[in-house]
Amino acid sequence: MIDFIAWLIFGAVVGGIAQFIVPGAQNLGWIKSILLGVGGAYAGGWLFSLAGMSSGEGLHYSGWVSSIVGAVVLLIAYVKLVAKK
């Protein structure tokens, strides 16, 4: 249960940082922001591990960077998909 709460908090922080980095109004709300952050953490970690840059166990600098990069990429994709509608 603690891990779930930690992922929610981590997702909120990473999602907020991604929204701060990407210019423009995204109008996500806090639930979508958390989901964006958690999804970005998984996607960024997966992509960085494919490139051989994984940080291993624990929260390391590259873990944060990969999570934020993944969240920014997901946010840009989300904005592009929503803007097309």
PDB file of N, CA and C in Angstrom:
ATOM      1  N   MET A   1       0.825  -1.195   0.000  1.00  0.00           N
ATOM      2  CA  MET A   1       0.000   0.000   0.000  1.00  0.00           C
ATOM      3  C   MET A   1       0.871   1.263   0.000  1.00  0.00           C
ATOM      4  N   ILE A   2       1.975   1.206   0.737  1.00  0.00           N
ATOM      5  CA  ILE A   2       2.882   2.357   0.784  1.00  0.00           C
ATOM      6  C   ILE A   2       3.492   2.605  -0.592  1.00  0.00           C
ATOM      7  N   ASP A   3       3.824   1.531  -1.309  1.00  0.00           N
ATOM      8  CA  ASP A   3       4.380   1.692  -2.657  1.00  0.00           C
ATOM      9  C   ASP A   3       3.389   2.385  -3.582  1.00  0.00           C
ATOM     10  N   PHE A   4       2.121   2.040  -3.467  1.00  0.00           N
ATOM     11  CA  PHE A   4       1.078   2.658  -4.294  1.00  0.00           C
ATOM     12  C   PHE A   4       0.988   4.154  -4.003  1.00  0.00           C
ATOM     13  N   ILE A   5       1.002   4.510  -2.743  1.00  0.00           N
ATOM     14  CA  ILE A   5       0.934   5.924  -2.362  1.00  0.00           C
ATOM     15  C   ILE A   5       2.188   6.664  -2.825  1.00  0.00           C
ATOM     16  N   ALA A   6       3.342   6.009  -2.708  1.00  0.00           N
ATOM     17  CA  ALA A   6       4.584   6.635  -3.171  1.00  0.00           C
ATOM     18  C   ALA A   6       4.548   6.873  -4.676  1.00  0.00           C
ATOM     19  N   TRP A   7       4.013   5.917  -5.447  1.00  0.00           N
ATOM     20  CA  TRP A   7       3.897   6.105  -6.896  1.00  0.00           C
ATOM     21  C   TRP A   7       2.932   7.236  -7.236  1.00  0.00           C
ATOM     22  N   LEU A   8       1.852   7.382  -6.457  1.00  0.00           N
ATOM     23  CA  LEU A   8       0.924   8.490  -6.701  1.00  0.00           C
ATOM     24  C   LEU A   8       1.596   9.837  -6.446  1.00  0.00           C
ATOM     25  N   ILE A   9       2.338   9.929  -5.367  1.00  0.00           N
ATOM     26  CA  ILE A   9       3.038  11.178  -5.058  1.00  0.00           C
ATOM     27  C   ILE A   9       4.112  11.456  -6.102  1.00  0.00           C
ATOM     28  N   PHE A  10       4.887  10.433  -6.449  1.00  0.00           N
ATOM     29  CA  PHE A  10       5.920  10.582  -7.473  1.00  0.00           C
ATOM     30  C   PHE A  10       5.296  10.994  -8.803  1.00  0.00           C
ATOM     31  N   GLY A  11       4.171  10.360  -9.164  1.00  0.00           N
ATOM     32  CA  GLY A  11       3.481  10.704 -10.407  1.00  0.00           C
ATOM     33  C   GLY A  11       2.985  12.137 -10.409  1.00  0.00           C
ATOM     34  N   ALA A  12       2.490  12.604  -9.265  1.00  0.00           N
ATOM     35  CA  ALA A  12       2.018  13.985  -9.176  1.00  0.00           C
ATOM     36  C   ALA A  12       3.172  14.972  -9.359  1.00  0.00           C
ATOM     37  N   VAL A  13       4.305  14.675  -8.747  1.00  0.00           N
ATOM     38  CA  VAL A  13       5.468  15.565  -8.858  1.00  0.00           C
ATOM     39  C   VAL A  13       5.993  15.573 -10.296  1.00  0.00           C
ATOM     40  N   VAL A  14       6.183  14.396 -10.873  1.00  0.00           N
ATOM     41  CA  VAL A  14       6.713  14.302 -12.239  1.00  0.00           C
ATOM     42  C   VAL A  14       5.726  14.910 -13.239  1.00  0.00           C
ATOM     43  N   GLY A  15       4.429  14.645 -13.063  1.00  0.00           N
ATOM     44  CA  GLY A  15       3.419  15.240 -13.950  1.00  0.00           C
ATOM     45  C   GLY A  15       3.397  16.757 -13.853  1.00  0.00           C
ATOM     46  N   GLY A  16       3.552  17.278 -12.642  1.00  0.00           N
ATOM     47  CA  GLY A  16       3.608  18.732 -12.460  1.00  0.00           C
ATOM     48  C   GLY A  16       4.834  19.348 -13.105  1.00  0.00           C
ATOM     49  N   ILE A  17       5.965  18.682 -12.976  1.00  0.00           N
ATOM     50  CA  ILE A  17       7.195  19.177 -13.610  1.00  0.00           C
ATOM     51  C   ILE A  17       7.041  19.162 -15.132  1.00  0.00           C
ATOM     52  N   ALA A  18       6.446  18.106 -15.671  1.00  0.00           N
ATOM     53  CA  ALA A  18       6.243  18.017 -17.118  1.00  0.00           C
ATOM     54  C   ALA A  18       5.329  19.131 -17.607  1.00  0.00           C
ATOM     55  N   GLN A  19       4.272  19.431 -16.847  1.00  0.00           N
ATOM     56  CA  GLN A  19       3.371  20.517 -17.240  1.00  0.00           C
ATOM     57  C   GLN A  19       4.073  21.859 -17.172  1.00  0.00           C
ATOM     58  N   PHE A  20       5.010  22.014 -16.261  1.00  0.00           N
ATOM     59  CA  PHE A  20       5.773  23.254 -16.151  1.00  0.00           C
ATOM     60  C   PHE A  20       6.732  23.413 -17.329  1.00  0.00           C
ATOM     61  N   ILE A  21       7.293  22.297 -17.804  1.00  0.00           N
ATOM     62  CA  ILE A  21       8.274  22.340 -18.894  1.00  0.00           C
ATOM     63  C   ILE A  21       7.606  22.592 -20.238  1.00  0.00           C
ATOM     64  N   VAL A  22       6.486  21.928 -20.503  1.00  0.00           N
ATOM     65  CA  VAL A  22       5.805  22.042 -21.804  1.00  0.00           C
ATOM     66  C   VAL A  22       5.018  23.353 -21.828  1.00  0.00           C
ATOM     67  N   PRO A  23       5.276  24.194 -22.827  1.00  0.00           N
ATOM     68  CA  PRO A  23       4.572  25.483 -22.882  1.00  0.00           C
ATOM     69  C   PRO A  23       3.108  25.321 -23.283  1.00  0.00           C
ATOM     70  N   GLY A  24       2.311  26.279 -22.892  1.00  0.00           N
ATOM     71  CA  GLY A  24       0.894  26.272 -23.251  1.00  0.00           C
ATOM     72  C   GLY A  24       0.046  25.694 -22.136  1.00  0.00           C
ATOM     73  N   ALA A  25      -1.262  25.849 -22.299  1.00  0.00           N
ATOM     74  CA  ALA A  25      -2.216  25.336 -21.314  1.00  0.00           C
ATOM     75  C   ALA A  25      -2.616  23.916 -21.682  1.00  0.00           C
ATOM     76  N   GLN A  26      -2.460  22.991 -20.730  1.00  0.00           N
ATOM     77  CA  GLN A  26      -2.810  21.601 -20.995  1.00  0.00           C
ATOM     78  C   GLN A  26      -4.170  21.226 -20.422  1.00  0.00           C
ATOM     79  N   ASN A  27      -4.619  21.892 -19.371  1.00  0.00           N
ATOM     80  CA  ASN A  27      -5.908  21.637 -18.738  1.00  0.00           C
ATOM     81  C   ASN A  27      -6.119  20.157 -18.440  1.00  0.00           C
ATOM     82  N   LEU A  28      -5.185  19.554 -17.700  1.00  0.00           N
ATOM     83  CA  LEU A  28      -5.277  18.129 -17.403  1.00  0.00           C
ATOM     84  C   LEU A  28      -6.054  17.817 -16.136  1.00  0.00           C
ATOM     85  N   GLY A  29      -5.926  18.608 -15.127  1.00  0.00           N
ATOM     86  CA  GLY A  29      -6.486  18.260 -13.830  1.00  0.00           C
ATOM     87  C   GLY A  29      -5.503  17.385 -13.071  1.00  0.00           C
ATOM     88  N   TRP A  30      -5.773  17.172 -11.813  1.00  0.00           N
ATOM     89  CA  TRP A  30      -4.790  16.472 -10.993  1.00  0.00           C
ATOM     90  C   TRP A  30      -4.758  14.974 -11.234  1.00  0.00           C
ATOM     91  N   ILE A  31      -5.874  14.339 -11.566  1.00  0.00           N
ATOM     92  CA  ILE A  31      -5.881  12.891 -11.815  1.00  0.00           C
ATOM     93  C   ILE A  31      -5.106  12.570 -13.090  1.00  0.00           C
ATOM     94  N   LYS A  32      -5.375  13.304 -14.155  1.00  0.00           N
ATOM     95  CA  LYS A  32      -4.641  13.072 -15.394  1.00  0.00           C
ATOM     96  C   LYS A  32      -3.168  13.422 -15.238  1.00  0.00           C
ATOM     97  N   SER A  33      -2.868  14.416 -14.415  1.00  0.00           N
ATOM     98  CA  SER A  33      -1.472  14.780 -14.168  1.00  0.00           C
ATOM     99  C   SER A  33      -0.729  13.649 -13.456  1.00  0.00           C
ATOM    100  N   ILE A  34      -1.371  13.025 -12.483  1.00  0.00           N
ATOM    101  CA  ILE A  34      -0.757  11.889 -11.788  1.00  0.00           C
ATOM    102  C   ILE A  34      -0.572  10.726 -12.751  1.00  0.00           C
ATOM    103  N   LEU A  35      -1.593  10.428 -13.539  1.00  0.00           N
ATOM    104  CA  LEU A  35      -1.475   9.333 -14.514  1.00  0.00           C
ATOM    105  C   LEU A  35      -0.381   9.622 -15.535  1.00  0.00           C
ATOM    106  N   LEU A  36      -0.272  10.869 -15.950  1.00  0.00           N
ATOM    107  CA  LEU A  36       0.793  11.268 -16.866  1.00  0.00           C
ATOM    108  C   LEU A  36       2.161  11.046 -16.233  1.00  0.00           C
ATOM    109  N   GLY A  37       2.314  11.426 -14.980  1.00  0.00           N
ATOM    110  CA  GLY A  37       3.582  11.255 -14.292  1.00  0.00           C
ATOM    111  C   GLY A  37       3.963   9.792 -14.106  1.00  0.00           C
ATOM    112  N   VAL A  38       3.005   8.964 -13.705  1.00  0.00           N
ATOM    113  CA  VAL A  38       3.286   7.537 -13.521  1.00  0.00           C
ATOM    114  C   VAL A  38       3.570   6.879 -14.867  1.00  0.00           C
ATOM    115  N   GLY A  39       2.762   7.198 -15.887  1.00  0.00           N
ATOM    116  CA  GLY A  39       3.003   6.655 -17.227  1.00  0.00           C
ATOM    117  C   GLY A  39       4.335   7.113 -17.789  1.00  0.00           C
ATOM    118  N   GLY A  40       4.679   8.369 -17.539  1.00  0.00           N
ATOM    119  CA  GLY A  40       5.969   8.891 -17.985  1.00  0.00           C
ATOM    120  C   GLY A  40       7.132   8.215 -17.291  1.00  0.00           C
ATOM    121  N   ALA A  41       6.950   7.898 -16.015  1.00  0.00           N
ATOM    122  CA  ALA A  41       8.001   7.195 -15.280  1.00  0.00           C
ATOM    123  C   ALA A  41       8.240   5.811 -15.866  1.00  0.00           C
ATOM    124  N   TYR A  42       7.157   5.097 -16.142  1.00  0.00           N
ATOM    125  CA  TYR A  42       7.302   3.774 -16.748  1.00  0.00           C
ATOM    126  C   TYR A  42       7.883   3.864 -18.155  1.00  0.00           C
ATOM    127  N   ALA A  43       7.340   4.760 -18.977  1.00  0.00           N
ATOM    128  CA  ALA A  43       7.809   4.884 -20.368  1.00  0.00           C
ATOM    129  C   ALA A  43       9.260   5.369 -20.412  1.00  0.00           C
ATOM    130  N   GLY A  44       9.582   6.369 -19.632  1.00  0.00           N
ATOM    131  CA  GLY A  44      10.951   6.884 -19.608  1.00  0.00           C
ATOM    132  C   GLY A  44      11.938   5.868 -19.084  1.00  0.00           C
ATOM    133  N   GLY A  45      11.567   5.159 -18.029  1.00  0.00           N
ATOM    134  CA  GLY A  45      12.443   4.115 -17.499  1.00  0.00           C
ATOM    135  C   GLY A  45      12.684   3.004 -18.501  1.00  0.00           C
ATOM    136  N   TRP A  46      11.625   2.638 -19.221  1.00  0.00           N
ATOM    137  CA  TRP A  46      11.745   1.584 -20.234  1.00  0.00           C
ATOM    138  C   TRP A  46      12.658   2.039 -21.376  1.00  0.00           C
ATOM    139  N   LEU A  47      12.448   3.265 -21.864  1.00  0.00           N
ATOM    140  CA  LEU A  47      13.271   3.772 -22.961  1.00  0.00           C
ATOM    141  C   LEU A  47      14.732   3.947 -22.543  1.00  0.00           C
ATOM    142  N   PHE A  48      14.965   4.443 -21.336  1.00  0.00           N
ATOM    143  CA  PHE A  48      16.338   4.622 -20.871  1.00  0.00           C
ATOM    144  C   PHE A  48      17.015   3.273 -20.654  1.00  0.00           C
ATOM    145  N   SER A  49      16.272   2.264 -20.207  1.00  0.00           N
ATOM    146  CA  SER A  49      16.883   0.944 -20.029  1.00  0.00           C
ATOM    147  C   SER A  49      17.209   0.314 -21.375  1.00  0.00           C
ATOM    148  N   LEU A  50      16.397   0.568 -22.392  1.00  0.00           N
ATOM    149  CA  LEU A  50      16.710   0.085 -23.739  1.00  0.00           C
ATOM    150  C   LEU A  50      17.997   0.723 -24.264  1.00  0.00           C
ATOM    151  N   ALA A  51      18.217   1.971 -23.887  1.00  0.00           N
ATOM    152  CA  ALA A  51      19.420   2.680 -24.321  1.00  0.00           C
ATOM    153  C   ALA A  51      20.625   2.372 -23.432  1.00  0.00           C
ATOM    154  N   GLY A  52      20.428   1.533 -22.410  1.00  0.00           N
ATOM    155  CA  GLY A  52      21.532   1.165 -21.525  1.00  0.00           C
ATOM    156  C   GLY A  52      21.841   2.192 -20.462  1.00  0.00           C
ATOM    157  N   MET A  53      20.899   3.062 -20.163  1.00  0.00           N
ATOM    158  CA  MET A  53      21.136   4.119 -19.183  1.00  0.00           C
ATOM    159  C   MET A  53      20.290   3.943 -17.928  1.00  0.00           C
ATOM    160  N   SER A  54      19.897   2.723 -17.605  1.00  0.00           N
ATOM    161  CA  SER A  54      19.056   2.517 -16.427  1.00  0.00           C
ATOM    162  C   SER A  54      19.868   2.735 -15.160  1.00  0.00           C
ATOM    163  N   SER A  55      19.186   3.146 -14.116  1.00  0.00           N
ATOM    164  CA  SER A  55      19.874   3.488 -12.876  1.00  0.00           C
ATOM    165  C   SER A  55      19.877   2.353 -11.873  1.00  0.00           C
ATOM    166  N   GLY A  56      19.203   1.275 -12.135  1.00  0.00           N
ATOM    167  CA  GLY A  56      19.155   0.177 -11.182  1.00  0.00           C
ATOM    168  C   GLY A  56      18.091   0.415 -10.129  1.00  0.00           C
ATOM    169  N   GLU A  57      18.331  -0.074  -8.932  1.00  0.00           N
ATOM    170  CA  GLU A  57      17.355   0.018  -7.854  1.00  0.00           C
ATOM    171  C   GLU A  57      17.395   1.388  -7.177  1.00  0.00           C
ATOM    172  N   GLY A  58      16.255   1.797  -6.666  1.00  0.00           N
ATOM    173  CA  GLY A  58      16.169   3.036  -5.904  1.00  0.00           C
ATOM    174  C   GLY A  58      15.948   4.258  -6.774  1.00  0.00           C
ATOM    175  N   LEU A  59      15.773   5.387  -6.112  1.00  0.00           N
ATOM    176  CA  LEU A  59      15.558   6.641  -6.817  1.00  0.00           C
ATOM    177  C   LEU A  59      16.899   7.322  -7.035  1.00  0.00           C
ATOM    178  N   HIS A  60      17.364   7.287  -8.246  1.00  0.00           N
ATOM    179  CA  HIS A  60      18.624   7.915  -8.604  1.00  0.00           C
ATOM    180  C   HIS A  60      18.346   9.071  -9.552  1.00  0.00           C
ATOM    181  N   TYR A  61      19.357   9.848  -9.808  1.00  0.00           N
ATOM    182  CA  TYR A  61      19.234  11.011 -10.690  1.00  0.00           C
ATOM    183  C   TYR A  61      18.697  10.616 -12.061  1.00  0.00           C
ATOM    184  N   SER A  62      19.230   9.553 -12.655  1.00  0.00           N
ATOM    185  CA  SER A  62      18.766   9.154 -13.991  1.00  0.00           C
ATOM    186  C   SER A  62      17.339   8.643 -13.953  1.00  0.00           C
ATOM    187  N   GLY A  63      16.894   8.135 -12.817  1.00  0.00           N
ATOM    188  CA  GLY A  63      15.498   7.726 -12.682  1.00  0.00           C
ATOM    189  C   GLY A  63      14.554   8.911 -12.754  1.00  0.00           C
ATOM    190  N   TRP A  64      14.926   9.983 -12.086  1.00  0.00           N
ATOM    191  CA  TRP A  64      14.118  11.201 -12.154  1.00  0.00           C
ATOM    192  C   TRP A  64      14.123  11.784 -13.565  1.00  0.00           C
ATOM    193  N   VAL A  65      15.312  11.830 -14.162  1.00  0.00           N
ATOM    194  CA  VAL A  65      15.429  12.399 -15.511  1.00  0.00           C
ATOM    195  C   VAL A  65      14.612  11.574 -16.505  1.00  0.00           C
ATOM    196  N   SER A  66      14.732  10.261 -16.444  1.00  0.00           N
ATOM    197  CA  SER A  66      13.989   9.418 -17.383  1.00  0.00           C
ATOM    198  C   SER A  66      12.491   9.558 -17.163  1.00  0.00           C
ATOM    199  N   SER A  67      12.061   9.700 -15.924  1.00  0.00           N
ATOM    200  CA  SER A  67      10.638   9.869 -15.634  1.00  0.00           C
ATOM    201  C   SER A  67      10.115  11.191 -16.184  1.00  0.00           C
ATOM    202  N   ILE A  68      10.881  12.246 -15.997  1.00  0.00           N
ATOM    203  CA  ILE A  68      10.446  13.566 -16.483  1.00  0.00           C
ATOM    204  C   ILE A  68      10.455  13.592 -18.003  1.00  0.00           C
ATOM    205  N   VAL A  69      11.477  13.021 -18.628  1.00  0.00           N
ATOM    206  CA  VAL A  69      11.526  12.967 -20.092  1.00  0.00           C
ATOM    207  C   VAL A  69      10.338  12.179 -20.622  1.00  0.00           C
ATOM    208  N   GLY A  70      10.058  11.036 -20.017  1.00  0.00           N
ATOM    209  CA  GLY A  70       8.914  10.231 -20.446  1.00  0.00           C
ATOM    210  C   GLY A  70       7.597  10.972 -20.282  1.00  0.00           C
ATOM    211  N   ALA A  71       7.437  11.693 -19.163  1.00  0.00           N
ATOM    212  CA  ALA A  71       6.209  12.455 -18.933  1.00  0.00           C
ATOM    213  C   ALA A  71       6.073  13.605 -19.916  1.00  0.00           C
ATOM    214  N   VAL A  72       7.173  14.276 -20.238  1.00  0.00           N
ATOM    215  CA  VAL A  72       7.128  15.369 -21.214  1.00  0.00           C
ATOM    216  C   VAL A  72       6.717  14.833 -22.587  1.00  0.00           C
ATOM    217  N   VAL A  73       7.292  13.704 -22.979  1.00  0.00           N
ATOM    218  CA  VAL A  73       6.938  13.097 -24.271  1.00  0.00           C
ATOM    219  C   VAL A  73       5.456  12.710 -24.291  1.00  0.00           C
ATOM    220  N   LEU A  74       4.971  12.091 -23.216  1.00  0.00           N
ATOM    221  CA  LEU A  74       3.555  11.726 -23.153  1.00  0.00           C
ATOM    222  C   LEU A  74       2.655  12.958 -23.168  1.00  0.00           C
ATOM    223  N   LEU A  75       3.063  14.016 -22.471  1.00  0.00           N
ATOM    224  CA  LEU A  75       2.263  15.243 -22.438  1.00  0.00           C
ATOM    225  C   LEU A  75       2.205  15.897 -23.817  1.00  0.00           C
ATOM    226  N   ILE A  76       3.325  15.945 -24.514  1.00  0.00           N
ATOM    227  CA  ILE A  76       3.328  16.520 -25.864  1.00  0.00           C
ATOM    228  C   ILE A  76       2.429  15.697 -26.786  1.00  0.00           C
ATOM    229  N   ALA A  77       2.508  14.381 -26.689  1.00  0.00           N
ATOM    230  CA  ALA A  77       1.644  13.511 -27.503  1.00  0.00           C
ATOM    231  C   ALA A  77       0.185  13.730 -27.148  1.00  0.00           C
ATOM    232  N   TYR A  78      -0.121  13.862 -25.873  1.00  0.00           N
ATOM    233  CA  TYR A  78      -1.501  14.109 -25.432  1.00  0.00           C
ATOM    234  C   TYR A  78      -2.026  15.429 -25.971  1.00  0.00           C
ATOM    235  N   VAL A  79      -1.200  16.489 -25.879  1.00  0.00           N
ATOM    236  CA  VAL A  79      -1.614  17.803 -26.374  1.00  0.00           C
ATOM    237  C   VAL A  79      -1.852  17.751 -27.883  1.00  0.00           C
ATOM    238  N   LYS A  80      -0.967  17.063 -28.614  1.00  0.00           N
ATOM    239  CA  LYS A  80      -1.127  16.968 -30.071  1.00  0.00           C
ATOM    240  C   LYS A  80      -2.393  16.192 -30.439  1.00  0.00           C
ATOM    241  N   LEU A  81      -2.687  15.110 -29.726  1.00  0.00           N
ATOM    242  CA  LEU A  81      -3.878  14.312 -30.025  1.00  0.00           C
ATOM    243  C   LEU A  81      -5.158  15.050 -29.674  1.00  0.00           C
ATOM    244  N   VAL A  82      -5.161  15.766 -28.552  1.00  0.00           N
ATOM    245  CA  VAL A  82      -6.351  16.498 -28.146  1.00  0.00           C
ATOM    246  C   VAL A  82      -6.559  17.717 -29.044  1.00  0.00           C
ATOM    247  N   ALA A  83      -5.475  18.366 -29.464  1.00  0.00           N
ATOM    248  CA  ALA A  83      -5.580  19.543 -30.328  1.00  0.00           C
ATOM    249  C   ALA A  83      -6.131  19.197 -31.711  1.00  0.00           C
ATOM    250  N   LYS A  84      -5.949  17.961 -32.152  1.00  0.00           N
ATOM    251  CA  LYS A  84      -6.444  17.567 -33.467  1.00  0.00           C
ATOM    252  C   LYS A  84      -7.955  17.382 -33.487  1.00  0.00           C
ATOM    253  N   LYS A  85      -8.556  17.148 -32.311  1.00  0.00           N
ATOM    254  CA  LYS A  85     -10.002  16.900 -32.262  1.00  0.00           C
ATOM    255  C   LYS A  85     -10.798  18.153 -32.448  1.00  0.00           C
TER     256      LYS A  85
END
